[in-house]
Protein backbone atom coordinates (compact mmCIF):
# COMPACT_ATOMS: atom_id res chain seq x y z
CA MET A 1 54.05 142.38 106.49
CA GLN A 2 54.81 139.20 104.53
CA PRO A 3 52.87 136.00 105.43
CA THR A 4 54.74 133.22 107.17
CA PRO A 5 55.83 130.71 104.55
CA LYS A 6 54.35 127.22 104.67
CA PRO A 7 56.68 124.67 106.33
CA PHE A 8 58.70 123.19 103.52
CA PHE A 9 58.29 119.59 104.64
CA ALA A 10 54.55 119.87 103.84
CA THR A 11 55.32 121.40 100.44
CA LEU A 12 57.91 118.72 99.70
CA HIS A 13 55.54 115.90 100.55
CA ALA A 14 52.90 117.36 98.23
CA LEU A 15 55.46 117.52 95.42
CA LEU A 16 56.65 113.96 95.99
CA ASP A 17 53.07 112.68 96.08
CA ALA A 18 52.32 114.16 92.65
CA GLU A 19 52.25 111.81 89.68
CA GLY A 20 55.10 111.58 87.18
CA GLU A 21 58.85 111.82 87.43
CA ILE A 22 60.57 114.89 88.84
CA THR A 23 64.15 116.06 88.50
CA LEU A 24 66.44 117.59 91.08
CA GLY A 25 66.07 120.93 89.28
CA GLU A 26 62.28 120.84 89.70
CA LEU A 27 62.70 119.99 93.36
CA LEU A 28 65.07 122.92 93.86
CA GLU A 29 62.74 125.24 91.96
CA ALA A 30 59.89 124.27 94.29
CA ALA A 31 62.14 124.97 97.28
CA GLY A 32 62.57 128.60 96.26
CA GLU A 33 64.31 130.51 99.05
CA GLN A 34 64.71 127.28 100.99
CA THR A 35 66.98 125.70 98.38
CA TYR A 36 70.00 125.76 100.67
CA GLY A 37 68.23 123.83 103.42
CA LEU A 38 66.99 121.22 100.95
CA LEU A 39 70.44 120.71 99.41
CA VAL A 40 72.04 120.38 102.85
CA LEU A 41 69.55 117.62 103.63
CA LEU A 42 70.01 115.83 100.30
CA LEU A 43 73.81 115.85 100.64
CA SER A 44 73.78 114.81 104.31
CA LEU A 45 71.17 112.04 104.47
CA PRO A 46 73.16 109.39 102.50
CA ASN A 47 76.06 109.77 104.93
CA LEU A 48 73.93 108.43 107.76
CA ILE A 49 73.84 104.99 106.11
CA PRO A 50 76.62 102.70 107.47
CA GLY A 51 78.89 101.40 104.71
CA LEU A 52 77.58 103.80 102.09
CA ASN A 53 78.86 106.79 104.03
CA VAL A 54 82.51 105.67 103.77
CA GLY A 55 82.71 106.47 100.06
CA LEU A 56 80.24 109.35 100.03
CA ALA A 57 81.47 111.32 103.04
CA PRO A 58 84.43 113.09 101.32
CA VAL A 59 82.34 114.00 98.26
CA GLY A 60 79.35 115.10 100.32
CA GLY A 61 81.58 117.01 102.71
CA ILE A 62 83.25 118.96 99.90
CA GLY A 63 79.85 119.73 98.36
CA LEU A 64 78.54 120.95 101.71
CA MET A 65 81.61 123.10 102.24
CA ALA A 66 80.97 124.80 98.88
CA LEU A 67 77.29 125.17 99.70
CA GLY A 68 77.99 126.65 103.12
CA MET A 69 80.49 129.15 101.74
CA GLN A 70 77.97 130.33 99.13
CA LEU A 71 75.37 130.80 101.86
CA ALA A 72 77.84 132.63 104.12
CA TRP A 73 78.86 134.84 101.19
CA GLY A 74 75.25 135.96 100.85
CA LYS A 75 74.41 134.33 97.51
CA ALA A 76 70.62 134.13 97.17
CA GLN A 77 70.61 130.85 95.24
CA PRO A 78 73.36 128.19 95.21
CA TRP A 79 75.07 127.28 91.97
CA VAL A 80 74.27 123.72 90.86
CA PRO A 81 75.58 122.25 87.55
CA ARG A 82 72.89 121.71 84.90
CA ARG A 83 73.79 118.04 84.53
CA ILE A 84 73.07 117.45 88.20
CA LYS A 85 69.81 119.41 88.03
CA ALA A 86 68.64 117.18 85.18
CA GLN A 87 69.01 114.01 87.27
CA PRO A 88 65.68 112.26 88.05
CA ILE A 89 64.73 111.86 91.69
CA HIS A 90 63.76 108.55 93.28
CA LYS A 91 60.72 109.87 95.10
CA GLY A 92 60.14 106.76 97.18
CA ARG A 93 63.60 106.79 98.75
CA ILE A 94 63.42 110.50 99.52
CA LYS A 95 60.00 110.13 101.15
CA ASP A 96 61.24 107.23 103.30
CA ALA A 97 64.34 109.15 104.39
CA LEU A 98 62.32 112.30 105.13
CA ALA A 99 59.73 110.34 107.11
CA LYS A 100 62.46 108.96 109.37
CA LEU A 101 64.04 112.40 109.73
CA GLU A 102 60.71 114.04 110.60
CA THR A 103 60.08 111.39 113.25
CA GLN A 104 63.32 112.34 114.95
CA LEU A 105 62.73 116.09 114.51
CA SER A 106 59.26 115.84 116.03
CA ARG A 107 60.95 115.34 119.39
CA PHE A 108 62.31 118.88 119.12
CA ARG A 109 59.02 120.56 118.13
CA TRP A 110 58.12 122.06 121.47
CA GLN A 111 54.57 123.26 122.01
CA GLY A 112 54.25 127.02 121.61
CA SER A 113 57.57 127.37 119.80
CA GLN A 114 57.50 129.78 116.90
CA ARG A 115 59.36 129.85 113.61
CA ARG A 116 62.00 132.57 113.55
CA HIS A 117 64.39 133.81 110.89
CA VAL A 118 67.76 132.04 110.89
CA SER A 119 70.78 134.15 109.92
CA PRO A 120 72.05 132.67 106.63
CA ARG A 121 75.60 133.98 106.98
CA TRP A 122 76.52 132.34 110.26
CA MET A 123 74.55 129.25 109.33
CA GLY A 124 76.57 129.05 106.12
CA ALA A 125 79.80 129.25 108.11
CA ILE A 126 78.68 126.45 110.46
CA ILE A 127 77.56 124.27 107.53
CA ALA A 128 80.89 124.80 105.75
CA TRP A 129 82.85 123.89 108.88
CA THR A 130 80.73 120.82 109.64
CA GLY A 131 81.03 119.79 105.99
CA PHE A 132 84.80 119.94 106.46
CA LEU A 133 84.48 117.63 109.48
CA LEU A 134 82.39 115.26 107.37
CA ALA A 135 85.01 115.17 104.60
CA LEU A 136 87.82 114.17 106.97
CA PRO A 137 88.83 110.48 106.87
CA VAL A 138 88.33 109.97 110.58
CA PRO A 139 88.96 106.43 111.97
CA LEU A 140 86.64 107.00 114.94
CA PRO A 141 83.24 105.59 115.97
CA PHE A 142 80.49 107.61 114.24
CA GLY A 143 83.20 109.65 112.52
CA ASN A 144 80.99 110.26 109.48
CA GLN A 145 77.51 109.78 110.90
CA LEU A 146 77.91 112.41 113.63
CA PRO A 147 78.66 115.42 111.37
CA ALA A 148 76.07 114.12 108.86
CA ALA A 149 73.38 114.08 111.57
CA ILE A 150 74.35 117.60 112.64
CA LEU A 151 74.13 118.79 109.03
CA CYS A 152 70.66 117.22 108.69
CA LEU A 153 69.55 119.21 111.71
CA LEU A 154 71.04 122.42 110.30
CA GLY A 155 69.35 121.80 106.95
CA ALA A 156 66.01 121.24 108.69
CA ALA A 157 66.53 124.43 110.71
CA LEU A 158 66.94 126.36 107.45
CA LEU A 159 63.90 124.70 105.87
CA GLU A 160 61.50 125.32 108.72
CA GLU A 161 63.16 128.42 110.20
CA ARG A 162 63.67 126.84 113.60
CA LEU A 163 66.18 128.93 115.48
CA ALA A 164 66.29 126.46 118.40
CA TRP A 165 67.31 123.66 116.01
CA ALA A 166 70.03 125.90 114.61
CA TRP A 167 71.47 126.55 118.07
CA ILE A 168 71.39 122.83 118.90
CA GLY A 169 73.22 122.19 115.61
CA VAL A 170 75.84 124.82 116.44
CA ALA A 171 76.43 123.31 119.89
CA ALA A 172 76.64 119.82 118.40
CA SER A 173 79.12 121.00 115.75
CA PHE A 174 81.29 122.49 118.50
CA GLY A 175 81.13 119.19 120.39
CA ASN A 176 82.00 117.29 117.20
CA THR A 177 85.02 119.56 116.74
CA LEU A 178 86.22 118.76 120.26
CA TYR A 179 85.69 115.05 119.65
CA PHE A 180 87.89 115.19 116.57
CA ALA A 181 90.44 117.49 118.22
CA PHE A 182 91.15 114.97 120.97
CA SER A 183 91.96 112.43 118.24
CA PHE A 184 94.08 114.76 116.12
CA ASP A 185 96.99 112.34 115.73
CA LEU A 186 94.73 109.59 114.39
CA ILE A 187 93.12 112.01 111.92
CA VAL A 188 96.51 113.21 110.63
CA ARG A 189 97.77 109.65 110.11
CA ALA A 190 94.56 108.64 108.34
CA SER A 191 94.68 111.74 106.13
CA MET A 192 98.31 111.08 105.15
CA ALA A 193 97.50 107.44 104.36
CA ALA A 194 94.57 108.50 102.16
CA PHE A 195 96.78 111.05 100.40
CA HIS A 196 99.45 108.45 99.62
CA VAL A 197 96.81 106.11 98.18
CA LEU A 198 95.53 108.87 95.90
CA VAL A 199 98.94 109.95 94.57
CA LYS A 200 100.11 106.39 93.80
């Protein structure tokens, strides 16, 4: 019987507290089997920042769609370009963002709850779909922040193997889909406007 892996947030904090500069590739190497969860977090967190999320949401959404499809396909490790892996990491910003995320997640750490394996295939499908929602140019309140927050929860569920978090994320993604569906006409008009701007 294999030992239960150490919660990745503890491992990540130890890595970020170490001296010297680290690259994204080193961070992903330390993540090991939890690389998908870490990448979902790294791609989702910036989209929670008002103003910044407007330009990043389509790029982050497309990246998360690709990541989710790789996970759903059963690929053990995601493909990441070497140039991106070589990028240095601003450890201070990551630690600040993770501290805020952990504060919110602590509300969902029920006493006596156990870590359980999360199915990567259906999680990949949910991440890909929610990434698609993030990439949409939606002129609605919290149009980008809502799917980004859901993706952060899904990434944390993968990192710490919290099945309850995964189910909450799935339910939230379904609710997000309904929220967008009721505003379908607005989304279509916004998408067409964005397309015309790009082709000009």
